[in-house]
Protein backbone atom coordinates (compact mmCIF):
# COMPACT_ATOMS: atom_id res chain seq x y z
CA MET A 1 8.72 18.69 25.86
CA PRO A 2 7.70 20.51 29.08
CA GLU A 3 7.51 18.47 32.26
CA VAL A 4 4.12 20.03 32.99
CA SER A 5 1.72 21.92 30.76
CA PRO A 6 2.21 25.70 30.69
CA LEU A 7 -0.62 27.80 32.11
CA GLN A 8 -1.31 30.81 29.88
CA PRO A 9 -3.34 33.66 31.40
CA LEU A 10 -5.63 35.53 29.00
CA THR A 11 -6.18 39.25 28.77
CA ASP A 12 -9.59 40.14 27.41
CA PRO A 13 -11.99 43.08 27.88
CA LEU A 14 -14.83 40.71 28.77
CA LEU A 15 -12.81 39.18 31.59
CA THR A 16 -12.02 42.63 32.96
CA GLN A 17 -15.65 43.72 32.69
CA LYS A 18 -16.96 40.63 34.48
CA GLY A 19 -14.19 40.48 37.07
CA VAL A 20 -13.11 36.89 36.37
CA ALA A 21 -9.71 35.43 35.50
CA LEU A 22 -9.24 32.84 32.75
CA SER A 23 -6.11 30.85 31.95
CA ILE A 24 -5.57 28.19 29.29
CA LEU A 25 -3.80 25.03 30.40
CA ARG A 26 -1.71 24.23 27.32
CA GLU A 27 -2.00 20.45 27.34
CA ASP A 28 -1.60 20.70 23.57
CA LEU A 29 2.09 21.47 24.19
CA LEU A 30 2.73 18.57 26.58
CA HIS A 31 4.00 16.08 23.99
CA PRO A 32 5.02 16.98 20.42
CA GLY A 33 3.52 13.95 18.69
CA ILE A 34 0.84 12.82 21.16
CA PRO A 35 -0.61 16.09 22.44
CA GLY A 36 -3.08 16.91 25.15
CA ASN A 37 -5.45 14.43 26.67
CA LYS A 38 -4.33 11.71 24.23
CA TRP A 39 -0.91 11.58 25.90
CA ARG A 40 -2.57 11.58 29.33
CA LYS A 41 -4.82 8.68 28.34
CA LEU A 42 -2.05 6.65 26.74
CA LYS A 43 0.70 7.20 29.31
CA TYR A 44 -0.19 4.45 31.78
CA ASN A 45 -1.65 2.19 29.09
CA LEU A 46 1.73 2.18 27.35
CA GLN A 47 3.41 1.28 30.63
CA GLU A 48 0.93 -1.54 31.14
CA ALA A 49 1.44 -2.83 27.61
CA ARG A 50 5.19 -2.85 28.14
CA GLU A 51 4.93 -4.64 31.50
CA LYS A 52 2.68 -7.31 29.93
CA GLU A 53 5.18 -7.71 27.08
CA CYS A 54 2.55 -6.88 24.50
CA GLU A 55 3.65 -6.10 20.97
CA THR A 56 0.61 -4.63 19.20
CA LEU A 57 -1.73 -1.80 20.17
CA VAL A 58 -5.22 -2.46 18.78
CA THR A 59 -7.96 0.16 18.75
CA PHE A 60 -11.02 1.61 17.02
CA GLY A 61 -11.75 5.04 15.60
CA GLY A 62 -13.35 7.18 12.95
CA ALA A 63 -11.59 8.31 9.81
CA PHE A 64 -10.55 11.67 11.33
CA SER A 65 -9.98 10.42 14.88
CA ASN A 66 -7.45 12.20 17.08
CA HIS A 67 -7.21 8.93 18.99
CA ILE A 68 -6.21 6.94 15.90
CA ALA A 69 -3.52 9.51 15.08
CA ALA A 70 -2.23 9.48 18.66
CA VAL A 71 -2.08 5.67 18.97
CA ALA A 72 -0.18 5.43 15.70
CA ALA A 73 2.33 8.04 16.87
CA ALA A 74 2.69 6.36 20.26
CA GLY A 75 3.30 2.99 18.66
CA GLN A 76 6.10 4.36 16.52
CA GLU A 77 7.72 6.26 19.40
CA PHE A 78 7.52 3.46 21.96
CA GLY A 79 8.16 0.46 19.73
CA PHE A 80 4.70 -1.11 19.36
CA ALA A 81 3.01 -2.28 16.20
CA THR A 82 -0.41 -0.67 15.80
CA ILE A 83 -3.68 -1.75 14.20
CA GLY A 84 -6.56 0.67 13.79
CA TYR A 85 -10.07 -0.55 12.99
CA ILE A 86 -11.69 2.31 11.12
CA ARG A 87 -15.42 2.98 10.86
CA GLY A 88 -16.64 2.86 7.25
CA GLU A 89 -15.27 1.92 3.87
CA GLU A 90 -11.74 2.60 2.69
CA THR A 91 -11.51 5.78 0.63
CA LEU A 92 -8.45 6.53 -1.49
CA PRO A 93 -6.46 8.64 -1.37
CA LEU A 94 -6.39 8.46 2.41
CA ASN A 95 -7.43 11.54 4.31
CA PRO A 96 -4.66 13.41 6.17
CA THR A 97 -5.38 11.72 9.51
CA LEU A 98 -5.20 8.18 8.14
CA GLU A 99 -2.26 9.01 5.90
CA LEU A 100 -0.42 10.26 8.99
CA ALA A 101 -1.34 7.07 10.86
CA THR A 102 0.06 4.88 8.10
CA ARG A 103 3.27 6.92 8.00
CA HIS A 104 3.62 6.07 11.68
CA GLY A 105 3.28 2.40 10.79
CA MET A 106 -0.34 1.72 11.68
CA GLN A 107 -2.17 -1.04 9.78
CA LEU A 108 -5.64 0.16 8.85
CA ARG A 109 -8.55 -2.27 8.76
CA TYR A 110 -12.04 -1.16 7.88
CA LEU A 111 -15.35 -2.15 9.44
CA SER A 112 -18.84 -1.63 8.08
CA ARG A 113 -20.92 0.65 10.24
CA THR A 114 -22.95 -2.39 11.32
CA ASP A 115 -19.85 -4.23 12.51
CA TYR A 116 -18.43 -1.10 14.07
CA ARG A 117 -21.42 -0.92 16.40
CA LEU A 118 -20.14 -4.15 17.96
CA ARG A 119 -16.87 -2.53 19.10
CA HIS A 120 -17.91 -2.56 22.77
CA GLU A 121 -18.95 -6.24 22.74
CA PRO A 122 -16.41 -8.52 24.50
CA HIS A 123 -16.86 -11.37 21.99
CA PHE A 124 -16.24 -9.02 19.06
CA GLN A 125 -13.16 -7.55 20.72
CA ALA A 126 -11.86 -11.07 21.41
CA GLU A 127 -12.18 -11.99 17.72
CA ILE A 128 -10.37 -8.80 16.73
CA LEU A 129 -7.52 -9.45 19.17
CA LYS A 130 -6.96 -12.99 17.88
CA LYS A 131 -5.70 -11.44 14.65
CA ALA A 132 -2.90 -9.42 16.29
CA PRO A 133 0.44 -10.60 17.71
CA LYS A 134 0.55 -10.19 21.51
CA PRO A 135 -2.18 -7.52 21.47
CA TYR A 136 -2.99 -4.75 23.92
CA PHE A 137 -6.51 -3.40 23.50
CA LEU A 138 -7.33 0.31 23.68
CA PRO A 139 -11.02 1.25 23.50
CA GLU A 140 -12.34 3.88 21.10
CA GLY A 141 -11.26 7.28 22.37
CA GLY A 142 -8.77 5.63 24.71
CA THR A 143 -10.97 5.79 27.79
CA ASN A 144 -10.35 3.15 30.46
CA LEU A 145 -9.28 3.30 34.10
CA LEU A 146 -5.61 3.75 33.22
CA ALA A 147 -6.64 6.68 31.04
CA VAL A 148 -8.59 8.13 33.97
CA LYS A 149 -5.47 7.75 36.11
CA GLY A 150 -3.44 9.70 33.58
CA CYS A 151 -6.01 12.47 33.41
CA THR A 152 -6.03 12.93 37.20
CA GLU A 153 -2.58 14.45 36.70
CA ILE A 154 -4.07 17.33 34.73
CA VAL A 155 -5.29 18.55 38.11
CA SER A 156 -2.52 17.35 40.42
CA GLU A 157 0.14 19.12 38.33
CA LEU A 158 -1.57 22.53 38.48
CA THR A 159 0.64 24.92 40.43
CA GLU A 160 -1.65 27.98 40.47
CA PRO A 161 -4.84 28.33 42.54
CA TRP A 162 -8.12 27.82 40.67
CA ASP A 163 -11.85 27.73 41.32
CA VAL A 164 -13.31 26.18 38.17
CA LEU A 165 -11.82 23.79 35.60
CA CYS A 166 -13.38 23.59 32.14
CA VAL A 167 -12.80 20.82 29.61
CA ALA A 168 -14.28 19.49 26.38
CA ALA A 169 -15.88 16.05 26.64
CA GLY A 170 -16.13 13.20 24.14
CA THR A 171 -16.18 9.81 25.84
CA GLY A 172 -15.94 11.34 29.32
CA GLY A 173 -12.58 9.83 30.29
CA THR A 174 -10.67 13.08 30.54
CA MET A 175 -13.38 14.73 32.58
CA ALA A 176 -13.66 11.70 34.86
CA GLY A 177 -9.93 11.88 35.51
CA MET A 178 -10.18 15.57 36.33
CA VAL A 179 -13.14 15.02 38.68
CA ALA A 180 -11.24 12.24 40.44
CA GLY A 181 -8.08 14.35 40.52
CA ALA A 182 -9.90 17.35 41.98
CA ALA A 183 -11.25 15.08 44.76
CA GLY A 184 -14.05 17.45 45.68
CA GLN A 185 -12.03 20.65 45.31
CA GLY A 186 -13.51 23.53 43.28
CA LYS A 187 -15.78 22.75 40.35
CA VAL A 188 -15.23 20.88 37.08
CA ILE A 189 -17.40 21.73 34.06
CA GLY A 190 -17.52 19.55 30.96
CA PHE A 191 -18.64 20.70 27.51
CA PRO A 192 -19.83 17.69 25.47
CA ALA A 193 -18.96 17.87 21.77
CA LEU A 194 -21.87 15.56 20.94
CA LYS A 195 -25.53 16.46 20.64
CA GLY A 196 -27.44 14.90 23.51
CA GLY A 197 -24.32 14.89 25.68
CA ALA A 198 -26.29 14.44 28.90
CA PHE A 199 -25.54 10.70 28.63
CA LEU A 200 -22.05 11.56 29.88
CA GLN A 201 -23.50 12.18 33.34
CA LYS A 202 -23.78 8.43 33.80
CA GLU A 203 -20.48 7.66 32.06
CA VAL A 204 -18.43 10.09 34.14
CA THR A 205 -20.13 9.09 37.39
CA GLU A 206 -19.39 5.41 36.80
CA LEU A 207 -15.77 6.01 35.74
CA VAL A 208 -15.06 8.15 38.80
CA GLN A 209 -16.73 5.64 41.10
CA GLU A 210 -14.84 2.71 39.59
CA TYR A 211 -11.51 4.52 39.68
CA SER A 212 -11.65 6.21 43.08
CA GLY A 213 -14.50 4.54 44.95
CA GLN A 214 -15.95 8.02 45.47
CA THR A 215 -18.94 9.97 44.20
CA TYR A 216 -18.39 13.71 43.86
CA GLN A 217 -20.99 16.43 43.38
CA ASN A 218 -18.69 19.28 42.34
CA TRP A 219 -19.02 18.84 38.60
CA ALA A 220 -21.53 19.59 35.87
CA LEU A 221 -22.11 19.33 32.13
CA GLN A 222 -22.97 22.21 29.81
CA THR A 223 -24.71 20.42 26.95
CA GLU A 224 -25.83 23.34 24.77
CA TYR A 225 -22.56 24.07 22.98
CA HIS A 226 -22.40 21.18 20.49
CA PHE A 227 -23.14 23.37 17.42
CA GLY A 228 -25.25 20.69 15.79
CA GLY A 229 -23.40 17.60 16.95
CA TYR A 230 -20.06 15.85 16.77
CA ALA A 231 -17.73 17.35 14.14
CA ARG A 232 -20.44 19.86 13.17
CA HIS A 233 -19.76 23.58 13.13
CA THR A 234 -21.34 26.90 12.24
CA PRO A 235 -19.94 30.17 10.87
CA GLU A 236 -20.39 31.58 14.38
CA LEU A 237 -18.09 28.92 15.85
CA LEU A 238 -15.48 29.38 13.13
CA SER A 239 -15.56 33.16 13.65
CA PHE A 240 -14.97 32.65 17.37
CA ILE A 241 -11.97 30.38 16.68
CA GLN A 242 -10.60 32.96 14.26
CA GLN A 243 -11.00 35.81 16.74
CA PHE A 244 -9.54 33.76 19.58
CA TYR A 245 -6.46 32.96 17.49
CA GLN A 246 -6.03 36.61 16.53
CA SER A 247 -6.43 37.81 20.12
CA HIS A 248 -4.46 35.16 22.01
CA GLY A 249 -2.31 33.28 19.48
CA ILE A 250 -3.81 29.93 20.51
CA LEU A 251 -5.18 27.59 17.85
CA LEU A 252 -8.36 25.80 18.88
CA ASP A 253 -10.04 22.98 16.96
CA PRO A 254 -13.67 23.02 15.77
CA VAL A 255 -14.57 19.61 17.21
CA TYR A 256 -13.67 19.99 20.89
CA THR A 257 -11.70 22.96 22.22
CA GLY A 258 -13.36 25.59 20.04
CA LYS A 259 -16.79 24.61 21.31
CA MET A 260 -15.59 24.45 24.91
CA LEU A 261 -13.99 27.93 24.86
CA TYR A 262 -17.00 29.38 23.07
CA GLY A 263 -19.13 28.00 25.89
CA VAL A 264 -16.81 29.35 28.57
CA PHE A 265 -16.93 32.87 27.13
CA ASP A 266 -20.71 32.67 26.69
CA LEU A 267 -21.17 31.66 30.33
CA ILE A 268 -18.89 34.49 31.43
CA ARG A 269 -20.99 36.89 29.35
CA GLN A 270 -24.12 35.60 31.13
CA ASP A 271 -22.59 36.18 34.60
CA TYR A 272 -22.65 32.45 35.29
CA PHE A 273 -19.42 32.81 37.28
CA PRO A 274 -19.27 35.15 40.28
CA LYS A 275 -16.77 37.99 40.27
CA GLY A 276 -13.36 36.87 41.43
CA THR A 277 -13.70 33.36 39.94
CA ARG A 278 -10.41 31.89 38.73
CA LEU A 279 -11.11 29.73 35.68
CA VAL A 280 -8.77 27.28 33.98
CA ALA A 281 -9.78 25.94 30.56
CA VAL A 282 -7.91 22.83 29.44
CA HIS A 283 -6.64 22.84 25.86
CA THR A 284 -6.73 19.13 25.09
CA GLY A 285 -5.10 19.40 21.64
CA GLY A 286 -6.81 18.07 18.54
CA GLN A 287 -5.34 20.49 16.01
CA GLN A 288 -4.56 17.63 13.64
CA GLY A 289 -8.28 17.55 12.97
CA TRP A 290 -7.93 20.77 10.98
CA THR A 291 -6.32 18.77 8.19
CA GLY A 292 -9.64 17.06 7.60
CA TYR A 293 -11.37 20.42 7.30
CA ALA A 294 -8.73 21.52 4.82
CA GLN A 295 -9.39 18.44 2.72
CA ARG A 296 -13.15 18.99 2.89
CA TYR A 297 -12.79 22.53 1.56
CA GLY A 298 -10.04 21.72 -0.94
CA LEU A 299 -7.38 23.89 0.70
CA ALA A 300 -3.70 23.41 1.37
CA TRP A 301 -3.09 23.09 5.08
CA PRO A 302 0.51 23.19 6.33
CA LEU A 303 -0.57 22.73 9.92
CA PRO A 304 2.84 22.61 11.70
CA GLU A 305 3.98 25.80 9.98
CA LEU A 306 0.68 27.49 10.74
CA VAL A 307 0.79 26.64 14.43
CA LYS A 308 4.26 28.14 14.69
CA SER A 309 3.95 31.34 12.72
CA ASP A 310 1.13 31.88 10.21
CA VAL A 311 -0.87 34.79 11.57
CA ALA A 312 -2.82 34.94 8.29
CA PHE A 313 -4.72 31.86 9.52
CA GLY A 314 -7.90 33.66 10.51
CA PHE A 315 -8.14 35.71 7.32
CA THR A 316 -7.70 32.86 4.86
CA PHE A 317 -8.74 29.38 5.88
CA LEU A 318 -11.63 30.16 8.22
CA LYS A 319 -13.05 32.87 5.98
CA THR A 320 -13.00 30.44 3.08
CA CYS A 321 -14.73 27.80 5.21
CA GLN A 322 -17.45 30.28 6.14
CA ASN A 323 -18.02 31.39 2.55
CA ARG A 324 -18.15 27.85 1.17
CA ARG A 325 -20.53 26.71 3.90
CA ARG A 326 -23.10 29.38 3.01
């Protein structure tokens, strides 16, 4: 795997017209089994777990969670047992995400939606951890201060000059790390994948303050690009992902990176960025989530082969998704 994420400049008529430069930071290529921000978030947590002589990684997630898939893969690669507490009832056969997690050795345990709401409560976490040998707890989404530390390196490892960094936001940990890593330099813009994402203003502020002891003003949220909410999409979003893949050969996902890049291009179109602005959009991975979409629409989805070579992607899968959604 590369020592640092490649930076891929884009060529696009809109960029030329508006006089801005846009590059994609290919965090999705950073680690083959634990791509993007998931590797950044887990890196120092895995070190901590090893130093504390823990044996089991314990975490929470939804049935299609990138975090669940990443923790399972990390456990297998680094020699930890893994337990994932999944929101909702067990459904067989397992969806592709959970099937992948079990192939990596993760034990799946299911929580009712009522119990799952307790996942942030210390007493509930303590009861969960009693059931695991020498446990190390990872919160839902993987966001804690060690995750923030890992995500600061997204910025510190950049070797090209930049003015604005753009990133998708879920729990806010990746963005908080980038804000802390930028340390007041340039501007960082987050694109929440959830409807009502303004709550992340408080989350990111508190994470940055707790991690660095600083409060920075050089960041903002763009909350209008959620396309209906978490894991929701529209034909317009799917068409954008299709066109982006055809034009640039980069596969986005419809939960996070697709929405973020759609927002970036829309802001460029609106002249939000002055001429001469050098933008870097962070590709945080998440392509495994496409397997869930394939299952939803009843399609075969050989994701690894597609990522490597299948240029027919945009003309088959996405078109079918659009037609079946109408």
